């Protein structure tokens, strides 16, 4: 395996671990927000704090969705690396520059095709 592959594997693995931790933390945060809103018997619509709770729930839910999507992208990149298809443009079939992969490790297209 070329040194760049080792570096890219380490980068993907580390980012996947960070993202998995983020998914776990955000899942816990969202559960806590939902549980806290259940414990309060007020109506969000008429409660002065209701909009804050709804905003926090929505924002945390969006962050969680984004983190889960990132995790899927990282898993896809690691799978391509295992199968030997990592670093190959999905559009034109040419190699993706190592510099691009170091900057965007989940990239599926070369710079030319991404533009």
PDB file of N, CA and C in Angstrom:
ATOM      1  N   UNK A   1       0.850  -1.175   0.000  1.00  0.00           N
ATOM      2  CA  UNK A   1       0.000   0.000   0.000  1.00  0.00           C
ATOM      3  C   UNK A   1       0.903   1.248   0.000  1.00  0.00           C
ATOM      4  N   UNK A   2       0.684   2.190  -0.935  1.00  0.00           N
ATOM      5  CA  UNK A   2       1.491   3.409  -0.970  1.00  0.00           C
ATOM      6  C   UNK A   2       1.309   4.236   0.301  1.00  0.00           C
ATOM      7  N   UNK A   3       2.335   5.040   0.666  1.00  0.00           N
ATOM      8  CA  UNK A   3       2.230   5.862   1.879  1.00  0.00           C
ATOM      9  C   UNK A   3       0.998   6.749   1.890  1.00  0.00           C
ATOM     10  N   UNK A   4       0.595   7.279   0.726  1.00  0.00           N
ATOM     11  CA  UNK A   4      -0.594   8.131   0.678  1.00  0.00           C
ATOM     12  C   UNK A   4      -1.827   7.348   1.102  1.00  0.00           C
ATOM     13  N   UNK A   5      -1.911   6.064   0.720  1.00  0.00           N
ATOM     14  CA  UNK A   5      -3.047   5.238   1.126  1.00  0.00           C
ATOM     15  C   UNK A   5      -3.082   5.069   2.644  1.00  0.00           C
ATOM     16  N   UNK A   6      -1.923   4.840   3.256  1.00  0.00           N
ATOM     17  CA  UNK A   6      -1.857   4.719   4.719  1.00  0.00           C
ATOM     18  C   UNK A   6      -2.329   6.004   5.380  1.00  0.00           C
ATOM     19  N   UNK A   7      -1.876   7.126   4.850  1.00  0.00           N
ATOM     20  CA  UNK A   7      -2.257   8.427   5.406  1.00  0.00           C
ATOM     21  C   UNK A   7      -3.758   8.670   5.237  1.00  0.00           C
ATOM     22  N   UNK A   8      -4.284   8.337   4.075  1.00  0.00           N
ATOM     23  CA  UNK A   8      -5.718   8.530   3.818  1.00  0.00           C
ATOM     24  C   UNK A   8      -6.563   7.598   4.680  1.00  0.00           C
ATOM     25  N   UNK A   9      -6.114   6.353   4.846  1.00  0.00           N
ATOM     26  CA  UNK A   9      -6.844   5.413   5.710  1.00  0.00           C
ATOM     27  C   UNK A   9      -6.881   5.943   7.145  1.00  0.00           C
ATOM     28  N   UNK A  10      -5.734   6.430   7.628  1.00  0.00           N
ATOM     29  CA  UNK A  10      -5.675   6.979   8.991  1.00  0.00           C
ATOM     30  C   UNK A  10      -6.587   8.199   9.122  1.00  0.00           C
ATOM     31  N   UNK A  11      -6.583   9.046   8.110  1.00  0.00           N
ATOM     32  CA  UNK A  11      -7.438  10.236   8.116  1.00  0.00           C
ATOM     33  C   UNK A  11      -8.913   9.847   8.152  1.00  0.00           C
ATOM     34  N   UNK A  12      -9.309   8.922   7.289  1.00  0.00           N
ATOM     35  CA  UNK A  12     -10.699   8.473   7.248  1.00  0.00           C
ATOM     36  C   UNK A  12     -11.115   7.798   8.553  1.00  0.00           C
ATOM     37  N   UNK A  13     -10.245   6.961   9.082  1.00  0.00           N
ATOM     38  CA  UNK A  13     -10.554   6.238  10.319  1.00  0.00           C
ATOM     39  C   UNK A  13     -10.708   7.197  11.498  1.00  0.00           C
ATOM     40  N   UNK A  14      -9.807   8.169  11.586  1.00  0.00           N
ATOM     41  CA  UNK A  14      -9.884   9.147  12.681  1.00  0.00           C
ATOM     42  C   UNK A  14     -11.139  10.006  12.549  1.00  0.00           C
ATOM     43  N   UNK A  15     -11.440  10.435  11.337  1.00  0.00           N
ATOM     44  CA  UNK A  15     -12.632  11.266  11.148  1.00  0.00           C
ATOM     45  C   UNK A  15     -13.901  10.464  11.407  1.00  0.00           C
ATOM     46  N   UNK A  16     -13.880   9.184  11.047  1.00  0.00           N
ATOM     47  CA  UNK A  16     -15.042   8.348  11.314  1.00  0.00           C
ATOM     48  C   UNK A  16     -15.275   8.208  12.821  1.00  0.00           C
ATOM     49  N   UNK A  17     -14.198   8.018  13.573  1.00  0.00           N
ATOM     50  CA  UNK A  17     -14.321   7.899  15.029  1.00  0.00           C
ATOM     51  C   UNK A  17     -14.871   9.192  15.634  1.00  0.00           C
ATOM     52  N   UNK A  18     -14.359  10.328  15.176  1.00  0.00           N
ATOM     53  CA  UNK A  18     -14.862  11.623  15.675  1.00  0.00           C
ATOM     54  C   UNK A  18     -16.337  11.809  15.323  1.00  0.00           C
ATOM     55  N   UNK A  19     -16.697  11.433  14.108  1.00  0.00           N
ATOM     56  CA  UNK A  19     -18.083  11.602  13.667  1.00  0.00           C
ATOM     57  C   UNK A  19     -19.008  10.656  14.419  1.00  0.00           C
ATOM     58  N   UNK A  20     -18.575   9.434  14.660  1.00  0.00           N
ATOM     59  CA  UNK A  20     -19.385   8.486  15.432  1.00  0.00           C
ATOM     60  C   UNK A  20     -19.596   9.002  16.855  1.00  0.00           C
ATOM     61  N   UNK A  21     -18.559   9.583  17.442  1.00  0.00           N
ATOM     62  CA  UNK A  21     -18.697  10.181  18.779  1.00  0.00           C
ATOM     63  C   UNK A  21     -19.688  11.336  18.739  1.00  0.00           C
ATOM     64  N   UNK A  22     -19.633  12.125  17.671  1.00  0.00           N
ATOM     65  CA  UNK A  22     -20.562  13.263  17.525  1.00  0.00           C
ATOM     66  C   UNK A  22     -22.003  12.772  17.388  1.00  0.00           C
ATOM     67  N   UNK A  23     -22.214  11.712  16.598  1.00  0.00           N
ATOM     68  CA  UNK A  23     -23.556  11.142  16.453  1.00  0.00           C
ATOM     69  C   UNK A  23     -24.068  10.681  17.815  1.00  0.00           C
ATOM     70  N   UNK A  24     -23.231  10.017  18.564  1.00  0.00           N
ATOM     71  CA  UNK A  24     -23.621   9.524  19.883  1.00  0.00           C
ATOM     72  C   UNK A  24     -23.977  10.682  20.824  1.00  0.00           C
ATOM     73  N   UNK A  25     -23.132  11.698  20.841  1.00  0.00           N
ATOM     74  CA  UNK A  25     -23.376  12.847  21.725  1.00  0.00           C
ATOM     75  C   UNK A  25     -24.647  13.595  21.320  1.00  0.00           C
ATOM     76  N   UNK A  26     -24.825  13.808  20.034  1.00  0.00           N
ATOM     77  CA  UNK A  26     -26.021  14.520  19.571  1.00  0.00           C
ATOM     78  C   UNK A  26     -27.286  13.709  19.818  1.00  0.00           C
ATOM     79  N   UNK A  27     -27.195  12.395  19.679  1.00  0.00           N
ATOM     80  CA  UNK A  27     -28.351  11.535  19.976  1.00  0.00           C
ATOM     81  C   UNK A  27     -28.751  11.689  21.440  1.00  0.00           C
ATOM     82  N   UNK A  28     -27.749  11.701  22.315  1.00  0.00           N
ATOM     83  CA  UNK A  28     -28.022  11.904  23.739  1.00  0.00           C
ATOM     84  C   UNK A  28     -28.600  13.278  24.014  1.00  0.00           C
ATOM     85  N   UNK A  29     -28.066  14.293  23.353  1.00  0.00           N
ATOM     86  CA  UNK A  29     -28.592  15.655  23.522  1.00  0.00           C
ATOM     87  C   UNK A  29     -30.047  15.735  23.086  1.00  0.00           C
ATOM     88  N   UNK A  30     -30.347  15.137  21.943  1.00  0.00           N
ATOM     89  CA  UNK A  30     -31.716  15.188  21.432  1.00  0.00           C
ATOM     90  C   UNK A  30     -32.667  14.452  22.362  1.00  0.00           C
ATOM     91  N   UNK A  31     -32.249  13.303  22.844  1.00  0.00           N
ATOM     92  CA  UNK A  31     -33.078  12.556  23.808  1.00  0.00           C
ATOM     93  C   UNK A  31     -33.348  13.399  25.049  1.00  0.00           C
ATOM     94  N   UNK A  32     -32.319  14.079  25.540  1.00  0.00           N
ATOM     95  CA  UNK A  32     -32.464  14.915  26.738  1.00  0.00           C
ATOM     96  C   UNK A  32     -33.428  16.075  26.490  1.00  0.00           C
ATOM     97  N   UNK A  33     -33.342  16.679  25.319  1.00  0.00           N
ATOM     98  CA  UNK A  33     -34.244  17.794  24.991  1.00  0.00           C
ATOM     99  C   UNK A  33     -35.678  17.301  24.912  1.00  0.00           C
ATOM    100  N   UNK A  34     -35.887  16.173  24.243  1.00  0.00           N
ATOM    101  CA  UNK A  34     -37.234  15.617  24.108  1.00  0.00           C
ATOM    102  C   UNK A  34     -37.778  15.225  25.477  1.00  0.00           C
ATOM    103  N   UNK A  35     -36.950  14.584  26.285  1.00  0.00           N
ATOM    104  CA  UNK A  35     -37.389  14.178  27.626  1.00  0.00           C
ATOM    105  C   UNK A  35     -37.707  15.393  28.494  1.00  0.00           C
ATOM    106  N   UNK A  36     -36.875  16.425  28.412  1.00  0.00           N
ATOM    107  CA  UNK A  36     -37.124  17.638  29.195  1.00  0.00           C
ATOM    108  C   UNK A  36     -38.433  18.294  28.783  1.00  0.00           C
ATOM    109  N   UNK A  37     -38.735  18.271  27.498  1.00  0.00           N
ATOM    110  CA  UNK A  37     -39.985  18.890  27.050  1.00  0.00           C
ATOM    111  C   UNK A  37     -41.193  18.058  27.477  1.00  0.00           C
ATOM    112  N   UNK A  38     -41.011  16.747  27.645  1.00  0.00           N
ATOM    113  CA  UNK A  38     -42.105  15.893  28.129  1.00  0.00           C
ATOM    114  C   UNK A  38     -42.408  16.152  29.597  1.00  0.00           C
ATOM    115  N   UNK A  39     -41.354  16.460  30.353  1.00  0.00           N
ATOM    116  CA  UNK A  39     -41.522  16.675  31.792  1.00  0.00           C
ATOM    117  C   UNK A  39     -42.236  17.980  32.106  1.00  0.00           C
ATOM    118  N   UNK A  40     -42.195  18.896  31.178  1.00  0.00           N
ATOM    119  CA  UNK A  40     -42.850  20.195  31.375  1.00  0.00           C
ATOM    120  C   UNK A  40     -44.239  20.091  30.777  1.00  0.00           C
ATOM    121  N   UNK A  41     -45.239  20.449  31.565  1.00  0.00           N
ATOM    122  CA  UNK A  41     -46.617  20.284  31.108  1.00  0.00           C
ATOM    123  C   UNK A  41     -47.160  21.537  30.421  1.00  0.00           C
ATOM    124  N   UNK A  42     -46.278  22.398  29.980  1.00  0.00           N
ATOM    125  CA  UNK A  42     -46.753  23.611  29.314  1.00  0.00           C
ATOM    126  C   UNK A  42     -46.839  23.392  27.813  1.00  0.00           C
ATOM    127  N   UNK A  43     -47.531  24.273  27.179  1.00  0.00           N
ATOM    128  CA  UNK A  43     -47.723  24.233  25.736  1.00  0.00           C
ATOM    129  C   UNK A  43     -46.612  25.055  25.088  1.00  0.00           C
ATOM    130  N   UNK A  44     -45.801  24.420  24.247  1.00  0.00           N
ATOM    131  CA  UNK A  44     -44.694  25.124  23.588  1.00  0.00           C
ATOM    132  C   UNK A  44     -45.141  26.399  22.888  1.00  0.00           C
ATOM    133  N   UNK A  45     -46.317  26.338  22.290  1.00  0.00           N
ATOM    134  CA  UNK A  45     -46.797  27.474  21.503  1.00  0.00           C
ATOM    135  C   UNK A  45     -47.062  28.700  22.369  1.00  0.00           C
ATOM    136  N   UNK A  46     -47.494  28.489  23.598  1.00  0.00           N
ATOM    137  CA  UNK A  46     -47.842  29.609  24.471  1.00  0.00           C
ATOM    138  C   UNK A  46     -46.842  29.847  25.592  1.00  0.00           C
ATOM    139  N   UNK A  47     -45.862  29.000  25.689  1.00  0.00           N
ATOM    140  CA  UNK A  47     -44.820  29.132  26.702  1.00  0.00           C
ATOM    141  C   UNK A  47     -43.715  30.025  26.153  1.00  0.00           C
ATOM    142  N   UNK A  48     -43.292  31.051  26.925  1.00  0.00           N
ATOM    143  CA  UNK A  48     -42.227  31.924  26.433  1.00  0.00           C
ATOM    144  C   UNK A  48     -40.940  31.158  26.121  1.00  0.00           C
ATOM    145  N   UNK A  49     -40.699  30.041  26.792  1.00  0.00           N
ATOM    146  CA  UNK A  49     -39.519  29.219  26.532  1.00  0.00           C
ATOM    147  C   UNK A  49     -39.772  28.212  25.423  1.00  0.00           C
ATOM    148  N   UNK A  50     -41.012  28.080  24.993  1.00  0.00           N
ATOM    149  CA  UNK A  50     -41.375  27.067  23.998  1.00  0.00           C
ATOM    150  C   UNK A  50     -40.616  27.201  22.700  1.00  0.00           C
ATOM    151  N   UNK A  51     -40.461  28.407  22.228  1.00  0.00           N
ATOM    152  CA  UNK A  51     -39.763  28.583  20.959  1.00  0.00           C
ATOM    153  C   UNK A  51     -38.293  28.192  21.095  1.00  0.00           C
ATOM    154  N   UNK A  52     -37.725  28.426  22.274  1.00  0.00           N
ATOM    155  CA  UNK A  52     -36.338  28.047  22.518  1.00  0.00           C
ATOM    156  C   UNK A  52     -36.193  26.528  22.509  1.00  0.00           C
ATOM    157  N   UNK A  53     -37.108  25.841  23.162  1.00  0.00           N
ATOM    158  CA  UNK A  53     -37.067  24.383  23.204  1.00  0.00           C
ATOM    159  C   UNK A  53     -37.246  23.814  21.795  1.00  0.00           C
ATOM    160  N   UNK A  54     -38.215  24.353  21.061  1.00  0.00           N
ATOM    161  CA  UNK A  54     -38.458  23.875  19.696  1.00  0.00           C
ATOM    162  C   UNK A  54     -37.241  24.147  18.817  1.00  0.00           C
ATOM    163  N   UNK A  55     -36.632  25.310  18.988  1.00  0.00           N
ATOM    164  CA  UNK A  55     -35.441  25.652  18.203  1.00  0.00           C
ATOM    165  C   UNK A  55     -34.300  24.701  18.526  1.00  0.00           C
ATOM    166  N   UNK A  56     -34.062  24.457  19.811  1.00  0.00           N
ATOM    167  CA  UNK A  56     -32.987  23.549  20.219  1.00  0.00           C
ATOM    168  C   UNK A  56     -33.219  22.143  19.674  1.00  0.00           C
ATOM    169  N   UNK A  57     -34.464  21.680  19.748  1.00  0.00           N
ATOM    170  CA  UNK A  57     -34.794  20.349  19.239  1.00  0.00           C
ATOM    171  C   UNK A  57     -34.549  20.293  17.724  1.00  0.00           C
ATOM    172  N   UNK A  58     -34.984  21.297  17.022  1.00  0.00           N
ATOM    173  CA  UNK A  58     -34.806  21.346  15.568  1.00  0.00           C
ATOM    174  C   UNK A  58     -33.332  21.447  15.182  1.00  0.00           C
ATOM    175  N   UNK A  59     -32.617  22.320  15.855  1.00  0.00           N
ATOM    176  CA  UNK A  59     -31.196  22.515  15.551  1.00  0.00           C
ATOM    177  C   UNK A  59     -30.397  21.238  15.841  1.00  0.00           C
ATOM    178  N   UNK A  60     -30.637  20.638  16.986  1.00  0.00           N
ATOM    179  CA  UNK A  60     -29.926  19.411  17.349  1.00  0.00           C
ATOM    180  C   UNK A  60     -30.283  18.282  16.386  1.00  0.00           C
ATOM    181  N   UNK A  61     -31.547  18.208  15.998  1.00  0.00           N
ATOM    182  CA  UNK A  61     -31.972  17.201  15.028  1.00  0.00           C
ATOM    183  C   UNK A  61     -31.275  17.376  13.683  1.00  0.00           C
ATOM    184  N   UNK A  62     -31.114  18.620  13.259  1.00  0.00           N
ATOM    185  CA  UNK A  62     -30.419  18.897  11.997  1.00  0.00           C
ATOM    186  C   UNK A  62     -28.944  18.539  12.100  1.00  0.00           C
ATOM    187  N   UNK A  63     -28.312  18.896  13.210  1.00  0.00           N
ATOM    188  CA  UNK A  63     -26.903  18.532  13.409  1.00  0.00           C
ATOM    189  C   UNK A  63     -26.734  17.012  13.398  1.00  0.00           C
ATOM    190  N   UNK A  64     -27.672  16.307  14.033  1.00  0.00           N
ATOM    191  CA  UNK A  64     -27.611  14.850  14.089  1.00  0.00           C
ATOM    192  C   UNK A  64     -27.772  14.250  12.689  1.00  0.00           C
ATOM    193  N   UNK A  65     -28.712  14.773  11.930  1.00  0.00           N
ATOM    194  CA  UNK A  65     -28.918  14.296  10.552  1.00  0.00           C
ATOM    195  C   UNK A  65     -27.650  14.497   9.728  1.00  0.00           C
ATOM    196  N   UNK A  66     -27.039  15.673   9.842  1.00  0.00           N
ATOM    197  CA  UNK A  66     -25.801  15.964   9.103  1.00  0.00           C
ATOM    198  C   UNK A  66     -24.664  15.031   9.525  1.00  0.00           C
ATOM    199  N   UNK A  67     -24.544  14.777  10.822  1.00  0.00           N
ATOM    200  CA  UNK A  67     -23.483  13.900  11.321  1.00  0.00           C
ATOM    201  C   UNK A  67     -23.695  12.470  10.841  1.00  0.00           C
ATOM    202  N   UNK A  68     -24.938  12.010  10.824  1.00  0.00           N
ATOM    203  CA  UNK A  68     -25.217  10.661  10.325  1.00  0.00           C
ATOM    204  C   UNK A  68     -24.898  10.553   8.836  1.00  0.00           C
ATOM    205  N   UNK A  69     -25.207  11.598   8.080  1.00  0.00           N
ATOM    206  CA  UNK A  69     -24.881  11.609   6.653  1.00  0.00           C
ATOM    207  C   UNK A  69     -23.365  11.568   6.451  1.00  0.00           C
ATOM    208  N   UNK A  70     -22.647  12.340   7.260  1.00  0.00           N
ATOM    209  CA  UNK A  70     -21.180  12.346   7.174  1.00  0.00           C
ATOM    210  C   UNK A  70     -20.626  10.956   7.497  1.00  0.00           C
ATOM    211  N   UNK A  71     -21.202  10.308   8.491  1.00  0.00           N
ATOM    212  CA  UNK A  71     -20.778   8.964   8.863  1.00  0.00           C
ATOM    213  C   UNK A  71     -20.986   7.996   7.689  1.00  0.00           C
ATOM    214  N   UNK A  72     -22.112   8.123   7.000  1.00  0.00           N
ATOM    215  CA  UNK A  72     -22.361   7.281   5.819  1.00  0.00           C
ATOM    216  C   UNK A  72     -21.324   7.556   4.731  1.00  0.00           C
ATOM    217  N   UNK A  73     -20.985   8.825   4.518  1.00  0.00           N
ATOM    218  CA  UNK A  73     -19.977   9.184   3.513  1.00  0.00           C
ATOM    219  C   UNK A  73     -18.619   8.579   3.874  1.00  0.00           C
ATOM    220  N   UNK A  74     -18.262   8.649   5.145  1.00  0.00           N
ATOM    221  CA  UNK A  74     -16.990   8.089   5.599  1.00  0.00           C
ATOM    222  C   UNK A  74     -16.975   6.572   5.468  1.00  0.00           C
ATOM    223  N   UNK A  75     -18.083   5.932   5.830  1.00  0.00           N
ATOM    224  CA  UNK A  75     -18.176   4.479   5.669  1.00  0.00           C
ATOM    225  C   UNK A  75     -18.065   4.101   4.194  1.00  0.00           C
ATOM    226  N   UNK A  76     -18.682   4.889   3.325  1.00  0.00           N
ATOM    227  CA  UNK A  76     -18.576   4.642   1.886  1.00  0.00           C
ATOM    228  C   UNK A  76     -17.145   4.763   1.402  1.00  0.00           C
ATOM    229  N   UNK A  77     -16.449   5.799   1.863  1.00  0.00           N
ATOM    230  CA  UNK A  77     -15.056   5.998   1.466  1.00  0.00           C
ATOM    231  C   UNK A  77     -14.178   4.857   1.974  1.00  0.00           C
ATOM    232  N   UNK A  78     -14.384   4.436   3.207  1.00  0.00           N
ATOM    233  CA  UNK A  78     -13.609   3.313   3.748  1.00  0.00           C
ATOM    234  C   UNK A  78     -13.913   2.025   2.985  1.00  0.00           C
ATOM    235  N   UNK A  79     -15.154   1.844   2.600  1.00  0.00           N
ATOM    236  CA  UNK A  79     -15.515   0.674   1.802  1.00  0.00           C
ATOM    237  C   UNK A  79     -14.841   0.690   0.438  1.00  0.00           C
ATOM    238  N   UNK A  80     -14.828   1.868  -0.202  1.00  0.00           N
ATOM    239  CA  UNK A  80     -14.141   1.980  -1.494  1.00  0.00           C
ATOM    240  C   UNK A  80     -12.654   1.708  -1.341  1.00  0.00           C
ATOM    241  N   UNK A  81     -12.080   2.165  -0.229  1.00  0.00           N
ATOM    242  CA  UNK A  81     -10.661   1.931   0.030  1.00  0.00           C
ATOM    243  C   UNK A  81     -10.389   0.434   0.167  1.00  0.00           C
ATOM    244  N   UNK A  82     -11.259  -0.265   0.877  1.00  0.00           N
ATOM    245  CA  UNK A  82     -11.100  -1.717   1.059  1.00  0.00           C
ATOM    246  C   UNK A  82     -11.244  -2.469  -0.261  1.00  0.00           C
ATOM    247  N   UNK A  83     -12.170  -2.017  -1.096  1.00  0.00           N
ATOM    248  CA  UNK A  83     -12.439  -2.708  -2.370  1.00  0.00           C
ATOM    249  C   UNK A  83     -11.499  -2.278  -3.493  1.00  0.00           C
ATOM    250  N   UNK A  84     -10.691  -1.255  -3.247  1.00  0.00           N
ATOM    251  CA  UNK A  84      -9.761  -0.786  -4.265  1.00  0.00           C
ATOM    252  C   UNK A  84     -10.317   0.277  -5.187  1.00  0.00           C
ATOM    253  N   UNK A  85     -11.490   0.796  -4.901  1.00  0.00           N
ATOM    254  CA  UNK A  85     -12.091   1.823  -5.756  1.00  0.00           C
ATOM    255  C   UNK A  85     -11.960   3.227  -5.208  1.00  0.00           C
ATOM    256  N   UNK A  86     -11.254   3.364  -4.102  1.00  0.00           N
ATOM    257  CA  UNK A  86     -11.095   4.689  -3.492  1.00  0.00           C
ATOM    258  C   UNK A  86     -10.149   5.534  -4.337  1.00  0.00           C
ATOM    259  N   UNK A  87     -10.494   6.795  -4.497  1.00  0.00           N
ATOM    260  CA  UNK A  87      -9.637   7.700  -5.246  1.00  0.00           C
ATOM    261  C   UNK A  87      -9.845   7.631  -6.744  1.00  0.00           C
ATOM    262  N   UNK A  88     -10.928   6.989  -7.163  1.00  0.00           N
ATOM    263  CA  UNK A  88     -11.268   6.917  -8.579  1.00  0.00           C
ATOM    264  C   UNK A  88     -12.544   7.730  -8.789  1.00  0.00           C
ATOM    265  N   UNK A  89     -12.514   8.649  -9.739  1.00  0.00           N
ATOM    266  CA  UNK A  89     -13.656   9.518 -10.005  1.00  0.00           C
ATOM    267  C   UNK A  89     -14.854   8.691 -10.461  1.00  0.00           C
ATOM    268  N   UNK A  90     -15.987   8.926  -9.818  1.00  0.00           N
ATOM    269  CA  UNK A  90     -17.203   8.185 -10.161  1.00  0.00           C
ATOM    270  C   UNK A  90     -17.789   8.653 -11.488  1.00  0.00           C
ATOM    271  N   UNK A  91     -17.373   9.817 -11.971  1.00  0.00           N
ATOM    272  CA  UNK A  91     -17.904  10.331 -13.239  1.00  0.00           C
ATOM    273  C   UNK A  91     -17.057   9.920 -14.440  1.00  0.00           C
ATOM    274  N   UNK A  92     -15.747  10.155 -14.365  1.00  0.00           N
ATOM    275  CA  UNK A  92     -14.892   9.930 -15.534  1.00  0.00           C
ATOM    276  C   UNK A  92     -13.970   8.721 -15.397  1.00  0.00           C
ATOM    277  N   UNK A  93     -13.833   8.186 -14.187  1.00  0.00           N
ATOM    278  CA  UNK A  93     -12.999   7.015 -13.971  1.00  0.00           C
ATOM    279  C   UNK A  93     -11.512   7.294 -13.812  1.00  0.00           C
ATOM    280  N   UNK A  94     -11.130   8.573 -13.873  1.00  0.00           N
ATOM    281  CA  UNK A  94      -9.714   8.914 -13.689  1.00  0.00           C
ATOM    282  C   UNK A  94      -9.403   8.993 -12.193  1.00  0.00           C
ATOM    283  N   UNK A  95      -8.122   8.940 -11.846  1.00  0.00           N
ATOM    284  CA  UNK A  95      -7.733   9.060 -10.430  1.00  0.00           C
ATOM    285  C   UNK A  95      -8.061  10.449  -9.880  1.00  0.00           C
ATOM    286  N   UNK A  96      -8.466  10.465  -8.626  1.00  0.00           N
ATOM    287  CA  UNK A  96      -8.675  11.722  -7.904  1.00  0.00           C
ATOM    288  C   UNK A  96      -7.337  12.083  -7.277  1.00  0.00           C
ATOM    289  N   UNK A  97      -6.913  13.330  -7.424  1.00  0.00           N
ATOM    290  CA  UNK A  97      -5.618  13.770  -6.897  1.00  0.00           C
ATOM    291  C   UNK A  97      -5.546  13.546  -5.387  1.00  0.00           C
ATOM    292  N   UNK A  98      -4.387  13.066  -4.935  1.00  0.00           N
ATOM    293  CA  UNK A  98      -4.181  12.812  -3.507  1.00  0.00           C
ATOM    294  C   UNK A  98      -4.432  14.083  -2.702  1.00  0.00           C
ATOM    295  N   UNK A  99      -4.029  15.229  -3.237  1.00  0.00           N
ATOM    296  CA  UNK A  99      -4.231  16.500  -2.527  1.00  0.00           C
ATOM    297  C   UNK A  99      -5.726  16.753  -2.291  1.00  0.00           C
ATOM    298  N   UNK A 100      -6.546  16.415  -3.274  1.00  0.00           N
ATOM    299  CA  UNK A 100      -8.001  16.577  -3.112  1.00  0.00           C
ATOM    300  C   UNK A 100      -8.512  15.623  -2.040  1.00  0.00           C
ATOM    301  N   UNK A 101      -8.030  14.392  -2.065  1.00  0.00           N
ATOM    302  CA  UNK A 101      -8.477  13.418  -1.074  1.00  0.00           C
ATOM    303  C   UNK A 101      -8.025  13.790   0.335  1.00  0.00           C
ATOM    304  N   UNK A 102      -6.859  14.387   0.449  1.00  0.00           N
ATOM    305  CA  UNK A 102      -6.405  14.841   1.770  1.00  0.00           C
ATOM    306  C   UNK A 102      -7.283  15.989   2.270  1.00  0.00           C
ATOM    307  N   UNK A 103      -7.730  16.841   1.351  1.00  0.00           N
ATOM    308  CA  UNK A 103      -8.594  17.962   1.733  1.00  0.00           C
ATOM    309  C   UNK A 103     -10.038  17.517   1.931  1.00  0.00           C
ATOM    310  N   UNK A 104     -10.510  16.598   1.084  1.00  0.00           N
ATOM    311  CA  UNK A 104     -11.889  16.085   1.129  1.00  0.00           C
ATOM    312  C   UNK A 104     -11.823  14.566   1.028  1.00  0.00           C
ATOM    313  N   UNK A 105     -11.571  13.900   2.137  1.00  0.00           N
ATOM    314  CA  UNK A 105     -11.332  12.455   2.084  1.00  0.00           C
ATOM    315  C   UNK A 105     -12.511  11.628   1.574  1.00  0.00           C
ATOM    316  N   UNK A 106     -13.710  12.178   1.563  1.00  0.00           N
ATOM    317  CA  UNK A 106     -14.861  11.425   1.071  1.00  0.00           C
ATOM    318  C   UNK A 106     -15.204  11.780  -0.372  1.00  0.00           C
ATOM    319  N   UNK A 107     -14.352  12.545  -1.034  1.00  0.00           N
ATOM    320  CA  UNK A 107     -14.620  12.960  -2.418  1.00  0.00           C
ATOM    321  C   UNK A 107     -14.811  11.742  -3.313  1.00  0.00           C
ATOM    322  N   UNK A 108     -15.810  11.840  -4.182  1.00  0.00           N
ATOM    323  CA  UNK A 108     -16.077  10.763  -5.145  1.00  0.00           C
ATOM    324  C   UNK A 108     -15.820  11.223  -6.586  1.00  0.00           C
ATOM    325  N   UNK A 109     -15.484  12.490  -6.757  1.00  0.00           N
ATOM    326  CA  UNK A 109     -15.242  13.030  -8.097  1.00  0.00           C
ATOM    327  C   UNK A 109     -13.935  13.811  -8.115  1.00  0.00           C
ATOM    328  N   UNK A 110     -13.267  13.767  -9.250  1.00  0.00           N
ATOM    329  CA  UNK A 110     -12.061  14.570  -9.413  1.00  0.00           C
ATOM    330  C   UNK A 110     -12.452  16.045  -9.499  1.00  0.00           C
ATOM    331  N   UNK A 111     -11.478  16.903  -9.399  1.00  0.00           N
ATOM    332  CA  UNK A 111     -11.757  18.348  -9.421  1.00  0.00           C
ATOM    333  C   UNK A 111     -12.459  18.748 -10.703  1.00  0.00           C
ATOM    334  N   UNK A 112     -11.999  18.233 -11.833  1.00  0.00           N
ATOM    335  CA  UNK A 112     -12.588  18.601 -13.115  1.00  0.00           C
ATOM    336  C   UNK A 112     -14.079  18.242 -13.175  1.00  0.00           C
ATOM    337  N   UNK A 113     -14.433  17.074 -12.700  1.00  0.00           N
ATOM    338  CA  UNK A 113     -15.834  16.636 -12.736  1.00  0.00           C
ATOM    339  C   UNK A 113     -16.681  17.303 -11.648  1.00  0.00           C
ATOM    340  N   UNK A 114     -16.048  17.722 -10.560  1.00  0.00           N
ATOM    341  CA  UNK A 114     -16.774  18.348  -9.455  1.00  0.00           C
ATOM    342  C   UNK A 114     -17.176  19.781  -9.775  1.00  0.00           C
ATOM    343  N   UNK A 115     -16.514  20.384 -10.747  1.00  0.00           N
ATOM    344  CA  UNK A 115     -16.793  21.796 -11.084  1.00  0.00           C
ATOM    345  C   UNK A 115     -18.053  21.922 -11.877  1.00  0.00           C
TER     346      UNK A 115
END
